[in-house]
């Protein structure tokens, strides 16, 4: 398997510190195999291994929080992203 440089940096950094935070604005691009690789960085015991379509059922509620742009608010309560039309 070919790993990106970004993917390779996780083991290096996580070995240097007890607390390690990964952040991404778009964790899931619809490719389940790529998503599993991201999850393996967060919890290798649960998500390591070759992805097999239809076999994996992932509960990631303890690892990430899904935030939909339409529900995000500023501190004053106004929408963070105003409505836009095509």
PDB file of N, CA and C in Angstrom:
ATOM      1  N   UNK A   1       0.849  -1.179   0.000  1.00  0.00           N
ATOM      2  CA  UNK A   1       0.000   0.000   0.000  1.00  0.00           C
ATOM      3  C   UNK A   1       0.897   1.247   0.000  1.00  0.00           C
ATOM      4  N   UNK A   2       0.521   2.232  -0.763  1.00  0.00           N
ATOM      5  CA  UNK A   2       1.288   3.467  -0.845  1.00  0.00           C
ATOM      6  C   UNK A   2       0.682   4.508   0.099  1.00  0.00           C
ATOM      7  N   UNK A   3       1.499   5.033   1.014  1.00  0.00           N
ATOM      8  CA  UNK A   3       1.033   6.029   1.975  1.00  0.00           C
ATOM      9  C   UNK A   3       1.534   7.413   1.594  1.00  0.00           C
ATOM     10  N   UNK A   4       0.706   8.421   1.822  1.00  0.00           N
ATOM     11  CA  UNK A   4       1.114   9.793   1.552  1.00  0.00           C
ATOM     12  C   UNK A   4       2.053  10.268   2.651  1.00  0.00           C
ATOM     13  N   UNK A   5       2.754  11.353   2.408  1.00  0.00           N
ATOM     14  CA  UNK A   5       3.646  11.926   3.420  1.00  0.00           C
ATOM     15  C   UNK A   5       2.848  12.373   4.640  1.00  0.00           C
ATOM     16  N   UNK A   6       1.655  12.907   4.417  1.00  0.00           N
ATOM     17  CA  UNK A   6       0.810  13.317   5.545  1.00  0.00           C
ATOM     18  C   UNK A   6       0.448  12.118   6.413  1.00  0.00           C
ATOM     19  N   UNK A   7       0.162  10.986   5.779  1.00  0.00           N
ATOM     20  CA  UNK A   7      -0.206   9.791   6.518  1.00  0.00           C
ATOM     21  C   UNK A   7       0.991   9.262   7.323  1.00  0.00           C
ATOM     22  N   UNK A   8       2.172   9.361   6.753  1.00  0.00           N
ATOM     23  CA  UNK A   8       3.376   8.866   7.415  1.00  0.00           C
ATOM     24  C   UNK A   8       3.787   9.705   8.621  1.00  0.00           C
ATOM     25  N   UNK A   9       3.399  10.962   8.663  1.00  0.00           N
ATOM     26  CA  UNK A   9       3.828  11.840   9.753  1.00  0.00           C
ATOM     27  C   UNK A   9       3.139  11.508  11.069  1.00  0.00           C
ATOM     28  N   UNK A  10       1.961  10.894  11.032  1.00  0.00           N
ATOM     29  CA  UNK A  10       1.233  10.569  12.261  1.00  0.00           C
ATOM     30  C   UNK A  10       2.032   9.702  13.220  1.00  0.00           C
ATOM     31  N   UNK A  11       2.571   8.569  12.787  1.00  0.00           N
ATOM     32  CA  UNK A  11       3.339   7.757  13.742  1.00  0.00           C
ATOM     33  C   UNK A  11       4.548   8.501  14.303  1.00  0.00           C
ATOM     34  N   UNK A  12       5.147   9.351  13.502  1.00  0.00           N
ATOM     35  CA  UNK A  12       6.302  10.114  13.979  1.00  0.00           C
ATOM     36  C   UNK A  12       5.904  11.096  15.074  1.00  0.00           C
ATOM     37  N   UNK A  13       4.854  11.876  14.827  1.00  0.00           N
ATOM     38  CA  UNK A  13       4.422  12.871  15.800  1.00  0.00           C
ATOM     39  C   UNK A  13       3.774  12.250  17.028  1.00  0.00           C
ATOM     40  N   UNK A  14       2.967  11.222  16.824  1.00  0.00           N
ATOM     41  CA  UNK A  14       2.271  10.630  17.967  1.00  0.00           C
ATOM     42  C   UNK A  14       3.238   9.947  18.922  1.00  0.00           C
ATOM     43  N   UNK A  15       4.404   9.566  18.447  1.00  0.00           N
ATOM     44  CA  UNK A  15       5.413   8.980  19.321  1.00  0.00           C
ATOM     45  C   UNK A  15       6.130  10.001  20.175  1.00  0.00           C
ATOM     46  N   UNK A  16       5.988  11.271  19.829  1.00  0.00           N
ATOM     47  CA  UNK A  16       6.669  12.334  20.561  1.00  0.00           C
ATOM     48  C   UNK A  16       5.808  12.987  21.634  1.00  0.00           C
ATOM     49  N   UNK A  17       4.508  12.751  21.599  1.00  0.00           N
ATOM     50  CA  UNK A  17       3.613  13.434  22.520  1.00  0.00           C
ATOM     51  C   UNK A  17       2.489  12.507  22.976  1.00  0.00           C
ATOM     52  N   UNK A  18       1.962  12.783  24.146  1.00  0.00           N
ATOM     53  CA  UNK A  18       0.870  11.970  24.672  1.00  0.00           C
ATOM     54  C   UNK A  18      -0.461  12.347  24.018  1.00  0.00           C
ATOM     55  N   UNK A  19      -0.661  13.626  23.758  1.00  0.00           N
ATOM     56  CA  UNK A  19      -1.907  14.120  23.171  1.00  0.00           C
ATOM     57  C   UNK A  19      -1.635  14.553  21.742  1.00  0.00           C
ATOM     58  N   UNK A  20      -2.498  14.110  20.858  1.00  0.00           N
ATOM     59  CA  UNK A  20      -2.294  14.360  19.437  1.00  0.00           C
ATOM     60  C   UNK A  20      -3.655  14.597  18.800  1.00  0.00           C
ATOM     61  N   UNK A  21      -3.829  15.717  18.136  1.00  0.00           N
ATOM     62  CA  UNK A  21      -5.111  16.081  17.555  1.00  0.00           C
ATOM     63  C   UNK A  21      -4.987  16.191  16.045  1.00  0.00           C
ATOM     64  N   UNK A  22      -5.828  15.447  15.343  1.00  0.00           N
ATOM     65  CA  UNK A  22      -5.911  15.539  13.888  1.00  0.00           C
ATOM     66  C   UNK A  22      -7.208  16.240  13.541  1.00  0.00           C
ATOM     67  N   UNK A  23      -7.146  17.198  12.634  1.00  0.00           N
ATOM     68  CA  UNK A  23      -8.358  17.917  12.245  1.00  0.00           C
ATOM     69  C   UNK A  23      -8.452  17.955  10.722  1.00  0.00           C
ATOM     70  N   UNK A  24      -9.673  17.809  10.243  1.00  0.00           N
ATOM     71  CA  UNK A  24      -9.928  17.913   8.817  1.00  0.00           C
ATOM     72  C   UNK A  24     -11.326  18.478   8.620  1.00  0.00           C
ATOM     73  N   UNK A  25     -11.480  19.272   7.606  1.00  0.00           N
ATOM     74  CA  UNK A  25     -12.789  19.851   7.332  1.00  0.00           C
ATOM     75  C   UNK A  25     -13.661  18.870   6.559  1.00  0.00           C
ATOM     76  N   UNK A  26     -13.053  17.983   5.813  1.00  0.00           N
ATOM     77  CA  UNK A  26     -13.801  17.026   5.001  1.00  0.00           C
ATOM     78  C   UNK A  26     -13.194  15.640   5.189  1.00  0.00           C
ATOM     79  N   UNK A  27     -13.581  14.943   6.268  1.00  0.00           N
ATOM     80  CA  UNK A  27     -12.955  13.651   6.531  1.00  0.00           C
ATOM     81  C   UNK A  27     -13.402  12.534   5.602  1.00  0.00           C
ATOM     82  N   UNK A  28     -14.550  12.687   4.954  1.00  0.00           N
ATOM     83  CA  UNK A  28     -15.067  11.581   4.151  1.00  0.00           C
ATOM     84  C   UNK A  28     -15.403  12.069   2.749  1.00  0.00           C
ATOM     85  N   UNK A  29     -14.686  11.537   1.771  1.00  0.00           N
ATOM     86  CA  UNK A  29     -14.915  11.922   0.379  1.00  0.00           C
ATOM     87  C   UNK A  29     -15.771  10.907  -0.359  1.00  0.00           C
ATOM     88  N   UNK A  30     -16.355   9.958   0.392  1.00  0.00           N
ATOM     89  CA  UNK A  30     -17.176   8.925  -0.217  1.00  0.00           C
ATOM     90  C   UNK A  30     -16.421   7.650  -0.511  1.00  0.00           C
ATOM     91  N   UNK A  31     -15.113   7.670  -0.363  1.00  0.00           N
ATOM     92  CA  UNK A  31     -14.292   6.476  -0.594  1.00  0.00           C
ATOM     93  C   UNK A  31     -14.046   5.804   0.746  1.00  0.00           C
ATOM     94  N   UNK A  32     -14.728   4.690   0.972  1.00  0.00           N
ATOM     95  CA  UNK A  32     -14.675   4.013   2.266  1.00  0.00           C
ATOM     96  C   UNK A  32     -13.267   3.557   2.640  1.00  0.00           C
ATOM     97  N   UNK A  33     -12.487   3.101   1.679  1.00  0.00           N
ATOM     98  CA  UNK A  33     -11.132   2.636   1.979  1.00  0.00           C
ATOM     99  C   UNK A  33     -10.278   3.790   2.503  1.00  0.00           C
ATOM    100  N   UNK A  34     -10.387   4.969   1.895  1.00  0.00           N
ATOM    101  CA  UNK A  34      -9.642   6.139   2.363  1.00  0.00           C
ATOM    102  C   UNK A  34     -10.095   6.552   3.758  1.00  0.00           C
ATOM    103  N   UNK A  35     -11.394   6.477   4.005  1.00  0.00           N
ATOM    104  CA  UNK A  35     -11.940   6.831   5.313  1.00  0.00           C
ATOM    105  C   UNK A  35     -11.417   5.879   6.388  1.00  0.00           C
ATOM    106  N   UNK A  36     -11.320   4.594   6.058  1.00  0.00           N
ATOM    107  CA  UNK A  36     -10.792   3.638   7.030  1.00  0.00           C
ATOM    108  C   UNK A  36      -9.333   3.941   7.351  1.00  0.00           C
ATOM    109  N   UNK A  37      -8.558   4.377   6.382  1.00  0.00           N
ATOM    110  CA  UNK A  37      -7.165   4.751   6.647  1.00  0.00           C
ATOM    111  C   UNK A  37      -7.098   5.909   7.634  1.00  0.00           C
ATOM    112  N   UNK A  38      -7.978   6.888   7.476  1.00  0.00           N
ATOM    113  CA  UNK A  38      -8.035   7.999   8.428  1.00  0.00           C
ATOM    114  C   UNK A  38      -8.380   7.475   9.819  1.00  0.00           C
ATOM    115  N   UNK A  39      -9.360   6.597   9.912  1.00  0.00           N
ATOM    116  CA  UNK A  39      -9.767   6.043  11.200  1.00  0.00           C
ATOM    117  C   UNK A  39      -8.662   5.202  11.821  1.00  0.00           C
ATOM    118  N   UNK A  40      -7.873   4.527  11.012  1.00  0.00           N
ATOM    119  CA  UNK A  40      -6.766   3.724  11.531  1.00  0.00           C
ATOM    120  C   UNK A  40      -5.715   4.608  12.194  1.00  0.00           C
ATOM    121  N   UNK A  41      -5.580   5.841  11.732  1.00  0.00           N
ATOM    122  CA  UNK A  41      -4.676   6.778  12.407  1.00  0.00           C
ATOM    123  C   UNK A  41      -5.182   7.100  13.805  1.00  0.00           C
ATOM    124  N   UNK A  42      -6.492   7.177  13.948  1.00  0.00           N
ATOM    125  CA  UNK A  42      -7.090   7.531  15.234  1.00  0.00           C
ATOM    126  C   UNK A  42      -7.138   6.350  16.193  1.00  0.00           C
ATOM    127  N   UNK A  43      -7.420   5.170  15.699  1.00  0.00           N
ATOM    128  CA  UNK A  43      -7.521   3.983  16.548  1.00  0.00           C
ATOM    129  C   UNK A  43      -7.133   2.764  15.728  1.00  0.00           C
ATOM    130  N   UNK A  44      -5.854   2.464  15.706  1.00  0.00           N
ATOM    131  CA  UNK A  44      -5.339   1.364  14.901  1.00  0.00           C
ATOM    132  C   UNK A  44      -5.886   0.011  15.295  1.00  0.00           C
ATOM    133  N   UNK A  45      -6.193  -0.193  16.579  1.00  0.00           N
ATOM    134  CA  UNK A  45      -6.721  -1.480  17.022  1.00  0.00           C
ATOM    135  C   UNK A  45      -8.088  -1.776  16.414  1.00  0.00           C
ATOM    136  N   UNK A  46      -8.904  -0.774  16.279  1.00  0.00           N
ATOM    137  CA  UNK A  46     -10.262  -0.970  15.757  1.00  0.00           C
ATOM    138  C   UNK A  46     -10.352  -0.929  14.236  1.00  0.00           C
ATOM    139  N   UNK A  47      -9.500  -0.157  13.587  1.00  0.00           N
ATOM    140  CA  UNK A  47      -9.706   0.109  12.162  1.00  0.00           C
ATOM    141  C   UNK A  47      -8.555  -0.312  11.260  1.00  0.00           C
ATOM    142  N   UNK A  48      -7.530  -0.947  11.810  1.00  0.00           N
ATOM    143  CA  UNK A  48      -6.394  -1.373  10.988  1.00  0.00           C
ATOM    144  C   UNK A  48      -6.805  -2.553  10.126  1.00  0.00           C
ATOM    145  N   UNK A  49      -6.202  -2.689   8.991  1.00  0.00           N
ATOM    146  CA  UNK A  49      -6.471  -3.827   8.117  1.00  0.00           C
ATOM    147  C   UNK A  49      -7.036  -3.394   6.788  1.00  0.00           C
ATOM    148  N   UNK A  50      -7.116  -4.332   5.888  1.00  0.00           N
ATOM    149  CA  UNK A  50      -7.595  -4.040   4.536  1.00  0.00           C
ATOM    150  C   UNK A  50      -9.109  -3.846   4.538  1.00  0.00           C
ATOM    151  N   UNK A  51      -9.550  -2.777   3.930  1.00  0.00           N
ATOM    152  CA  UNK A  51     -10.974  -2.479   3.817  1.00  0.00           C
ATOM    153  C   UNK A  51     -11.618  -3.453   2.846  1.00  0.00           C
ATOM    154  N   UNK A  52     -12.762  -3.997   3.256  1.00  0.00           N
ATOM    155  CA  UNK A  52     -13.551  -4.858   2.368  1.00  0.00           C
ATOM    156  C   UNK A  52     -14.950  -4.273   2.307  1.00  0.00           C
ATOM    157  N   UNK A  53     -15.365  -3.881   1.128  1.00  0.00           N
ATOM    158  CA  UNK A  53     -16.651  -3.211   0.929  1.00  0.00           C
ATOM    159  C   UNK A  53     -17.804  -4.063   1.441  1.00  0.00           C
ATOM    160  N   UNK A  54     -18.692  -3.448   2.220  1.00  0.00           N
ATOM    161  CA  UNK A  54     -19.862  -4.127   2.729  1.00  0.00           C
ATOM    162  C   UNK A  54     -19.635  -4.924   3.996  1.00  0.00           C
ATOM    163  N   UNK A  55     -18.381  -5.084   4.415  1.00  0.00           N
ATOM    164  CA  UNK A  55     -18.072  -5.884   5.594  1.00  0.00           C
ATOM    165  C   UNK A  55     -17.956  -4.998   6.836  1.00  0.00           C
ATOM    166  N   UNK A  56     -17.388  -3.843   6.669  1.00  0.00           N
ATOM    167  CA  UNK A  56     -17.123  -2.973   7.802  1.00  0.00           C
ATOM    168  C   UNK A  56     -18.333  -2.118   8.171  1.00  0.00           C
ATOM    169  N   UNK A  57     -18.731  -2.181   9.421  1.00  0.00           N
ATOM    170  CA  UNK A  57     -19.737  -1.284   9.977  1.00  0.00           C
ATOM    171  C   UNK A  57     -19.025  -0.472  11.042  1.00  0.00           C
ATOM    172  N   UNK A  58     -18.869   0.815  10.814  1.00  0.00           N
ATOM    173  CA  UNK A  58     -18.059   1.627  11.704  1.00  0.00           C
ATOM    174  C   UNK A  58     -18.903   2.559  12.546  1.00  0.00           C
ATOM    175  N   UNK A  59     -18.725   2.460  13.854  1.00  0.00           N
ATOM    176  CA  UNK A  59     -19.305   3.432  14.767  1.00  0.00           C
ATOM    177  C   UNK A  59     -18.185   4.387  15.146  1.00  0.00           C
ATOM    178  N   UNK A  60     -18.236   5.605  14.630  1.00  0.00           N
ATOM    179  CA  UNK A  60     -17.160   6.572  14.860  1.00  0.00           C
ATOM    180  C   UNK A  60     -17.604   7.708  15.781  1.00  0.00           C
ATOM    181  N   UNK A  61     -18.732   7.526  16.450  1.00  0.00           N
ATOM    182  CA  UNK A  61     -19.283   8.601  17.272  1.00  0.00           C
ATOM    183  C   UNK A  61     -18.354   9.008  18.415  1.00  0.00           C
ATOM    184  N   UNK A  62     -17.477   8.105  18.855  1.00  0.00           N
ATOM    185  CA  UNK A  62     -16.541   8.455  19.922  1.00  0.00           C
ATOM    186  C   UNK A  62     -15.262   9.088  19.393  1.00  0.00           C
ATOM    187  N   UNK A  63     -15.087   9.123  18.062  1.00  0.00           N
ATOM    188  CA  UNK A  63     -13.875   9.664  17.473  1.00  0.00           C
ATOM    189  C   UNK A  63     -14.072  10.992  16.752  1.00  0.00           C
ATOM    190  N   UNK A  64     -15.258  11.202  16.230  1.00  0.00           N
ATOM    191  CA  UNK A  64     -15.475  12.438  15.470  1.00  0.00           C
ATOM    192  C   UNK A  64     -16.911  12.904  15.613  1.00  0.00           C
ATOM    193  N   UNK A  65     -17.077  14.147  15.277  1.00  0.00           N
ATOM    194  CA  UNK A  65     -18.396  14.757  15.356  1.00  0.00           C
ATOM    195  C   UNK A  65     -18.740  15.336  13.994  1.00  0.00           C
ATOM    196  N   UNK A  66     -19.882  14.988  13.482  1.00  0.00           N
ATOM    197  CA  UNK A  66     -20.318  15.498  12.183  1.00  0.00           C
ATOM    198  C   UNK A  66     -21.026  16.827  12.390  1.00  0.00           C
ATOM    199  N   UNK A  67     -20.581  17.808  11.647  1.00  0.00           N
ATOM    200  CA  UNK A  67     -21.179  19.134  11.730  1.00  0.00           C
ATOM    201  C   UNK A  67     -21.585  19.550  10.323  1.00  0.00           C
ATOM    202  N   UNK A  68     -22.852  19.815  10.137  1.00  0.00           N
ATOM    203  CA  UNK A  68     -23.392  20.200   8.837  1.00  0.00           C
ATOM    204  C   UNK A  68     -23.393  21.721   8.750  1.00  0.00           C
ATOM    205  N   UNK A  69     -22.899  22.242   7.650  1.00  0.00           N
ATOM    206  CA  UNK A  69     -22.718  23.689   7.515  1.00  0.00           C
ATOM    207  C   UNK A  69     -24.003  24.480   7.750  1.00  0.00           C
ATOM    208  N   UNK A  70     -25.160  23.902   7.381  1.00  0.00           N
ATOM    209  CA  UNK A  70     -26.426  24.609   7.567  1.00  0.00           C
ATOM    210  C   UNK A  70     -26.770  24.792   9.047  1.00  0.00           C
ATOM    211  N   UNK A  71     -26.194  23.987   9.930  1.00  0.00           N
ATOM    212  CA  UNK A  71     -26.501  24.067  11.363  1.00  0.00           C
ATOM    213  C   UNK A  71     -25.480  24.854  12.168  1.00  0.00           C
ATOM    214  N   UNK A  72     -24.398  25.319  11.547  1.00  0.00           N
ATOM    215  CA  UNK A  72     -23.351  26.031  12.276  1.00  0.00           C
ATOM    216  C   UNK A  72     -23.748  27.483  12.504  1.00  0.00           C
ATOM    217  N   UNK A  73     -23.568  27.943  13.746  1.00  0.00           N
ATOM    218  CA  UNK A  73     -23.955  29.301  14.123  1.00  0.00           C
ATOM    219  C   UNK A  73     -22.766  30.074  14.662  1.00  0.00           C
ATOM    220  N   UNK A  74     -22.809  31.392  14.488  1.00  0.00           N
ATOM    221  CA  UNK A  74     -21.827  32.278  15.109  1.00  0.00           C
ATOM    222  C   UNK A  74     -22.202  32.442  16.578  1.00  0.00           C
ATOM    223  N   UNK A  75     -21.334  33.079  17.363  1.00  0.00           N
ATOM    224  CA  UNK A  75     -21.611  33.252  18.783  1.00  0.00           C
ATOM    225  C   UNK A  75     -22.916  34.002  19.027  1.00  0.00           C
ATOM    226  N   UNK A  76     -23.285  34.917  18.157  1.00  0.00           N
ATOM    227  CA  UNK A  76     -24.518  35.681  18.321  1.00  0.00           C
ATOM    228  C   UNK A  76     -25.771  34.919  17.905  1.00  0.00           C
ATOM    229  N   UNK A  77     -25.609  33.722  17.365  1.00  0.00           N
ATOM    230  CA  UNK A  77     -26.760  32.921  16.964  1.00  0.00           C
ATOM    231  C   UNK A  77     -27.091  33.003  15.488  1.00  0.00           C
ATOM    232  N   UNK A  78     -26.393  33.872  14.743  1.00  0.00           N
ATOM    233  CA  UNK A  78     -26.622  33.966  13.299  1.00  0.00           C
ATOM    234  C   UNK A  78     -25.923  32.815  12.586  1.00  0.00           C
ATOM    235  N   UNK A  79     -26.445  32.400  11.438  1.00  0.00           N
ATOM    236  CA  UNK A  79     -25.798  31.315  10.692  1.00  0.00           C
ATOM    237  C   UNK A  79     -24.360  31.676  10.308  1.00  0.00           C
ATOM    238  N   UNK A  80     -23.460  30.723  10.459  1.00  0.00           N
ATOM    239  CA  UNK A  80     -22.078  30.935  10.075  1.00  0.00           C
ATOM    240  C   UNK A  80     -21.949  31.062   8.567  1.00  0.00           C
ATOM    241  N   UNK A  81     -22.747  30.289   7.852  1.00  0.00           N
ATOM    242  CA  UNK A  81     -22.763  30.339   6.392  1.00  0.00           C
ATOM    243  C   UNK A  81     -24.140  30.804   5.947  1.00  0.00           C
ATOM    244  N   UNK A  82     -24.282  32.054   5.537  1.00  0.00           N
ATOM    245  CA  UNK A  82     -25.594  32.542   5.090  1.00  0.00           C
ATOM    246  C   UNK A  82     -26.092  31.724   3.899  1.00  0.00           C
ATOM    247  N   UNK A  83     -27.400  31.688   3.739  1.00  0.00           N
ATOM    248  CA  UNK A  83     -27.971  30.939   2.614  1.00  0.00           C
ATOM    249  C   UNK A  83     -27.442  31.481   1.303  1.00  0.00           C
ATOM    250  N   UNK A  84     -27.229  30.585   0.386  1.00  0.00           N
ATOM    251  CA  UNK A  84     -26.816  30.993  -0.945  1.00  0.00           C
ATOM    252  C   UNK A  84     -27.615  30.180  -1.944  1.00  0.00           C
ATOM    253  N   UNK A  85     -27.825  30.781  -3.053  1.00  0.00           N
ATOM    254  CA  UNK A  85     -28.619  30.145  -4.095  1.00  0.00           C
ATOM    255  C   UNK A  85     -27.787  29.975  -5.346  1.00  0.00           C
ATOM    256  N   UNK A  86     -28.088  28.915  -6.086  1.00  0.00           N
ATOM    257  CA  UNK A  86     -27.396  28.650  -7.343  1.00  0.00           C
ATOM    258  C   UNK A  86     -28.028  29.465  -8.445  1.00  0.00           C
TER     259      UNK A  86
END
